[in-house]
Amino acid sequence: MGKNRTRESLIRELTNIVMHKLIAKYTNRPETVHFLESEIIEYRSKAEKTLEKYNWNADDKGYIEKKALKMIKEKLATKYPDVRYSEQDAISKLRETIKDIAGD
């Protein structure tokens, strides 16, 4: 898999992590929180492995963040329209996740 394809895979993994975090925080079904947290752990593990494959420069990171945020908004709007969240919360969770996983 080339770097561009790996980058798109990483974007999907980050999107899933942040979506699950937001859904766990804002869900009106508390019984799903445990499942969501286990999914976050799984996606995080995959993202860490994906990150190790290449060196990621500032342009790559900016592109990944921008594209992941767009995907988060789209997926939440289509799959989880009942979940109310702030865009600022999504941005901060995404940045926090990238920083946490990338170690920057």
N, C-alpha and C. Protein backbone atom coordinates (compact mmCIF):
# COMPACT_ATOMS: atom_id res chain seq x y z
N MET A 1 0.85 -1.16 0.00
CA MET A 1 0.00 0.00 0.00
C MET A 1 0.90 1.24 0.00
N GLY A 2 0.60 2.19 -0.90
CA GLY A 2 1.37 3.42 -0.98
C GLY A 2 1.00 4.39 0.13
N LYS A 3 1.79 5.44 0.21
CA LYS A 3 1.58 6.42 1.28
C LYS A 3 0.20 7.09 1.19
N ASN A 4 -0.25 7.42 -0.02
CA ASN A 4 -1.56 8.08 -0.16
C ASN A 4 -2.68 7.16 0.30
N ARG A 5 -2.59 5.91 -0.05
CA ARG A 5 -3.62 4.96 0.38
C ARG A 5 -3.56 4.73 1.89
N THR A 6 -2.37 4.67 2.42
CA THR A 6 -2.20 4.53 3.86
C THR A 6 -2.75 5.75 4.58
N ARG A 7 -2.53 6.92 4.00
CA ARG A 7 -3.04 8.16 4.59
C ARG A 7 -4.57 8.13 4.64
N GLU A 8 -5.21 7.67 3.58
CA GLU A 8 -6.68 7.58 3.56
C GLU A 8 -7.17 6.57 4.60
N SER A 9 -6.44 5.50 4.76
CA SER A 9 -6.79 4.51 5.78
C SER A 9 -6.68 5.12 7.18
N LEU A 10 -5.63 5.87 7.40
CA LEU A 10 -5.43 6.54 8.68
C LEU A 10 -6.55 7.55 8.96
N ILE A 11 -6.98 8.24 7.94
CA ILE A 11 -8.09 9.20 8.07
C ILE A 11 -9.35 8.47 8.53
N ARG A 12 -9.64 7.32 7.92
CA ARG A 12 -10.82 6.55 8.32
C ARG A 12 -10.72 6.08 9.77
N GLU A 13 -9.53 5.64 10.16
CA GLU A 13 -9.34 5.16 11.53
C GLU A 13 -9.51 6.31 12.54
N LEU A 14 -8.92 7.46 12.24
CA LEU A 14 -9.08 8.62 13.13
C LEU A 14 -10.54 9.07 13.19
N THR A 15 -11.20 9.04 12.05
CA THR A 15 -12.61 9.40 12.00
C THR A 15 -13.42 8.49 12.92
N ASN A 16 -13.16 7.20 12.83
CA ASN A 16 -13.89 6.25 13.68
C ASN A 16 -13.60 6.46 15.16
N ILE A 17 -12.36 6.74 15.49
CA ILE A 17 -12.01 6.98 16.90
C ILE A 17 -12.78 8.18 17.44
N VAL A 18 -12.71 9.29 16.73
CA VAL A 18 -13.35 10.53 17.20
C VAL A 18 -14.86 10.38 17.20
N MET A 19 -15.42 9.74 16.18
CA MET A 19 -16.87 9.53 16.17
C MET A 19 -17.32 8.72 17.38
N HIS A 20 -16.60 7.66 17.68
CA HIS A 20 -16.96 6.83 18.82
C HIS A 20 -16.83 7.61 20.14
N LYS A 21 -15.81 8.46 20.23
CA LYS A 21 -15.66 9.28 21.43
C LYS A 21 -16.84 10.24 21.58
N LEU A 22 -17.21 10.87 20.49
CA LEU A 22 -18.33 11.81 20.53
C LEU A 22 -19.65 11.11 20.85
N ILE A 23 -19.86 9.97 20.21
CA ILE A 23 -21.10 9.23 20.45
C ILE A 23 -21.16 8.76 21.91
N ALA A 24 -20.02 8.28 22.43
CA ALA A 24 -19.99 7.83 23.83
C ALA A 24 -20.31 8.99 24.78
N LYS A 25 -19.83 10.18 24.43
CA LYS A 25 -20.06 11.34 25.29
C LYS A 25 -21.49 11.84 25.21
N TYR A 26 -22.08 11.85 24.02
CA TYR A 26 -23.38 12.46 23.81
C TYR A 26 -24.53 11.48 23.59
N THR A 27 -24.28 10.20 23.74
CA THR A 27 -25.35 9.23 23.48
C THR A 27 -26.47 9.32 24.52
N ASN A 28 -27.65 8.97 24.07
CA ASN A 28 -28.77 8.89 25.01
C ASN A 28 -29.04 7.42 25.37
N ARG A 29 -28.08 6.55 25.01
CA ARG A 29 -28.16 5.14 25.37
C ARG A 29 -26.89 4.74 26.12
N PRO A 30 -26.87 4.93 27.43
CA PRO A 30 -25.66 4.67 28.21
C PRO A 30 -25.17 3.23 28.17
N GLU A 31 -26.04 2.29 27.81
CA GLU A 31 -25.62 0.90 27.76
C GLU A 31 -24.63 0.62 26.63
N THR A 32 -24.51 1.54 25.66
CA THR A 32 -23.59 1.35 24.55
C THR A 32 -22.18 1.88 24.82
N VAL A 33 -22.00 2.60 25.89
CA VAL A 33 -20.71 3.25 26.17
C VAL A 33 -19.58 2.23 26.27
N HIS A 34 -19.79 1.12 26.96
CA HIS A 34 -18.74 0.11 27.10
C HIS A 34 -18.30 -0.42 25.74
N PHE A 35 -19.26 -0.72 24.88
CA PHE A 35 -18.95 -1.20 23.53
C PHE A 35 -18.17 -0.15 22.75
N LEU A 36 -18.60 1.09 22.83
CA LEU A 36 -17.93 2.17 22.11
C LEU A 36 -16.48 2.34 22.58
N GLU A 37 -16.26 2.23 23.88
CA GLU A 37 -14.90 2.35 24.41
C GLU A 37 -14.01 1.22 23.92
N SER A 38 -14.54 0.01 23.81
CA SER A 38 -13.72 -1.09 23.30
C SER A 38 -13.41 -0.89 21.82
N GLU A 39 -14.35 -0.31 21.07
CA GLU A 39 -14.10 0.00 19.67
C GLU A 39 -13.02 1.08 19.53
N ILE A 40 -13.03 2.06 20.41
CA ILE A 40 -12.01 3.12 20.40
C ILE A 40 -10.63 2.51 20.57
N ILE A 41 -10.50 1.58 21.49
CA ILE A 41 -9.21 0.91 21.73
C ILE A 41 -8.75 0.17 20.48
N GLU A 42 -9.66 -0.52 19.82
CA GLU A 42 -9.31 -1.28 18.61
C GLU A 42 -8.87 -0.35 17.48
N TYR A 43 -9.64 0.71 17.23
CA TYR A 43 -9.28 1.66 16.17
C TYR A 43 -7.98 2.37 16.49
N ARG A 44 -7.75 2.67 17.74
CA ARG A 44 -6.51 3.34 18.15
C ARG A 44 -5.31 2.45 17.85
N SER A 45 -5.43 1.18 18.16
CA SER A 45 -4.36 0.23 17.88
C SER A 45 -4.04 0.18 16.38
N LYS A 46 -5.08 0.14 15.57
CA LYS A 46 -4.88 0.13 14.12
C LYS A 46 -4.22 1.42 13.64
N ALA A 47 -4.66 2.54 14.18
CA ALA A 47 -4.10 3.84 13.77
C ALA A 47 -2.63 3.95 14.15
N GLU A 48 -2.26 3.45 15.33
CA GLU A 48 -0.86 3.50 15.75
C GLU A 48 0.01 2.69 14.80
N LYS A 49 -0.46 1.53 14.39
CA LYS A 49 0.29 0.69 13.44
C LYS A 49 0.41 1.38 12.09
N THR A 50 -0.65 2.02 11.67
CA THR A 50 -0.64 2.72 10.39
C THR A 50 0.34 3.89 10.42
N LEU A 51 0.37 4.62 11.52
CA LEU A 51 1.27 5.78 11.65
C LEU A 51 2.74 5.38 11.56
N GLU A 52 3.06 4.19 12.03
CA GLU A 52 4.45 3.75 12.05
C GLU A 52 5.01 3.45 10.67
N LYS A 53 4.15 3.31 9.67
CA LYS A 53 4.60 2.89 8.34
C LYS A 53 5.38 3.98 7.59
N TYR A 54 5.07 5.24 7.85
CA TYR A 54 5.69 6.34 7.11
C TYR A 54 6.04 7.49 8.05
N ASN A 55 6.85 8.40 7.54
CA ASN A 55 7.09 9.67 8.24
C ASN A 55 6.03 10.64 7.73
N TRP A 56 5.42 11.35 8.65
CA TRP A 56 4.33 12.25 8.30
C TRP A 56 4.77 13.70 8.53
N ASN A 57 4.84 14.48 7.45
CA ASN A 57 5.24 15.88 7.58
C ASN A 57 4.03 16.75 7.94
N ALA A 58 4.26 18.03 8.13
CA ALA A 58 3.20 18.95 8.55
C ALA A 58 2.07 19.03 7.52
N ASP A 59 2.42 18.96 6.24
CA ASP A 59 1.39 18.99 5.19
C ASP A 59 0.49 17.77 5.28
N ASP A 60 1.11 16.60 5.49
CA ASP A 60 0.33 15.36 5.64
C ASP A 60 -0.61 15.47 6.83
N LYS A 61 -0.08 15.94 7.95
CA LYS A 61 -0.89 16.04 9.17
C LYS A 61 -2.04 17.03 8.99
N GLY A 62 -1.77 18.14 8.32
CA GLY A 62 -2.82 19.12 8.06
C GLY A 62 -3.91 18.54 7.17
N TYR A 63 -3.50 17.82 6.13
CA TYR A 63 -4.45 17.19 5.23
C TYR A 63 -5.29 16.15 5.97
N ILE A 64 -4.62 15.34 6.78
CA ILE A 64 -5.31 14.29 7.54
C ILE A 64 -6.34 14.90 8.48
N GLU A 65 -5.96 15.95 9.19
CA GLU A 65 -6.88 16.60 10.13
C GLU A 65 -8.08 17.19 9.40
N LYS A 66 -7.83 17.89 8.30
CA LYS A 66 -8.90 18.53 7.55
C LYS A 66 -9.88 17.49 6.98
N LYS A 67 -9.33 16.46 6.40
CA LYS A 67 -10.15 15.42 5.77
C LYS A 67 -10.91 14.61 6.82
N ALA A 68 -10.27 14.30 7.94
CA ALA A 68 -10.93 13.55 9.00
C ALA A 68 -12.09 14.33 9.59
N LEU A 69 -11.90 15.63 9.79
CA LEU A 69 -12.97 16.46 10.34
C LEU A 69 -14.18 16.47 9.39
N LYS A 70 -13.91 16.57 8.11
CA LYS A 70 -14.99 16.54 7.12
C LYS A 70 -15.74 15.21 7.17
N MET A 71 -15.00 14.11 7.27
CA MET A 71 -15.63 12.79 7.34
C MET A 71 -16.43 12.61 8.63
N ILE A 72 -15.93 13.14 9.73
CA ILE A 72 -16.64 13.05 11.01
C ILE A 72 -18.00 13.72 10.89
N LYS A 73 -18.00 14.93 10.35
CA LYS A 73 -19.25 15.68 10.20
C LYS A 73 -20.24 14.93 9.31
N GLU A 74 -19.73 14.41 8.18
CA GLU A 74 -20.60 13.70 7.25
C GLU A 74 -21.18 12.42 7.87
N LYS A 75 -20.33 11.64 8.52
CA LYS A 75 -20.80 10.38 9.09
C LYS A 75 -21.77 10.61 10.24
N LEU A 76 -21.47 11.57 11.09
CA LEU A 76 -22.38 11.85 12.20
C LEU A 76 -23.73 12.35 11.68
N ALA A 77 -23.72 13.15 10.64
CA ALA A 77 -24.96 13.68 10.08
C ALA A 77 -25.80 12.58 9.44
N THR A 78 -25.16 11.63 8.78
CA THR A 78 -25.92 10.60 8.08
C THR A 78 -26.26 9.40 8.97
N LYS A 79 -25.30 8.93 9.76
CA LYS A 79 -25.53 7.73 10.56
C LYS A 79 -26.11 8.00 11.94
N TYR A 80 -25.79 9.15 12.51
CA TYR A 80 -26.22 9.46 13.88
C TYR A 80 -26.81 10.87 13.95
N PRO A 81 -27.91 11.11 13.24
CA PRO A 81 -28.48 12.46 13.25
C PRO A 81 -29.04 12.87 14.61
N ASP A 82 -29.29 11.90 15.48
CA ASP A 82 -29.84 12.21 16.80
C ASP A 82 -28.78 12.64 17.81
N VAL A 83 -27.51 12.45 17.47
CA VAL A 83 -26.42 12.82 18.37
C VAL A 83 -26.09 14.30 18.17
N ARG A 84 -26.24 15.08 19.21
CA ARG A 84 -25.95 16.51 19.16
C ARG A 84 -24.57 16.75 19.76
N TYR A 85 -23.73 17.40 19.01
CA TYR A 85 -22.36 17.67 19.45
C TYR A 85 -21.95 19.03 18.94
N SER A 86 -20.93 19.60 19.55
CA SER A 86 -20.43 20.88 19.06
C SER A 86 -19.27 20.62 18.10
N GLU A 87 -19.18 21.43 17.08
CA GLU A 87 -18.08 21.27 16.12
C GLU A 87 -16.74 21.51 16.82
N GLN A 88 -16.71 22.42 17.75
CA GLN A 88 -15.48 22.70 18.49
C GLN A 88 -15.04 21.47 19.28
N ASP A 89 -16.00 20.73 19.83
CA ASP A 89 -15.68 19.51 20.56
C ASP A 89 -15.09 18.46 19.61
N ALA A 90 -15.64 18.37 18.41
CA ALA A 90 -15.12 17.42 17.42
C ALA A 90 -13.69 17.79 17.04
N ILE A 91 -13.44 19.07 16.83
CA ILE A 91 -12.10 19.54 16.46
C ILE A 91 -11.11 19.25 17.59
N SER A 92 -11.49 19.56 18.81
CA SER A 92 -10.57 19.35 19.94
C SER A 92 -10.31 17.86 20.17
N LYS A 93 -11.34 17.02 20.02
CA LYS A 93 -11.14 15.57 20.19
C LYS A 93 -10.24 15.02 19.09
N LEU A 94 -10.40 15.53 17.87
CA LEU A 94 -9.57 15.08 16.76
C LEU A 94 -8.11 15.47 17.01
N ARG A 95 -7.88 16.71 17.38
CA ARG A 95 -6.50 17.17 17.64
C ARG A 95 -5.88 16.41 18.81
N GLU A 96 -6.67 16.20 19.84
CA GLU A 96 -6.21 15.46 21.01
C GLU A 96 -5.85 14.02 20.62
N THR A 97 -6.66 13.41 19.78
CA THR A 97 -6.42 12.03 19.34
C THR A 97 -5.16 11.95 18.48
N ILE A 98 -5.00 12.89 17.55
CA ILE A 98 -3.81 12.90 16.70
C ILE A 98 -2.56 13.09 17.56
N LYS A 99 -2.61 14.03 18.48
CA LYS A 99 -1.47 14.30 19.36
C LYS A 99 -1.16 13.08 20.22
N ASP A 100 -2.19 12.45 20.72
CA ASP A 100 -2.04 11.28 21.58
C ASP A 100 -1.42 10.10 20.83
N ILE A 101 -1.89 9.86 19.63
CA ILE A 101 -1.42 8.72 18.85
C ILE A 101 -0.05 8.99 18.23
N ALA A 102 0.11 10.19 17.66
CA ALA A 102 1.36 10.53 16.98
C ALA A 102 2.48 10.89 17.96
N GLY A 103 2.10 11.26 19.17
CA GLY A 103 3.10 11.60 20.17
C GLY A 103 3.73 12.96 19.94
N ASP A 104 3.06 13.83 19.19
CA ASP A 104 3.60 15.17 18.94
C ASP A 104 3.16 16.13 20.02
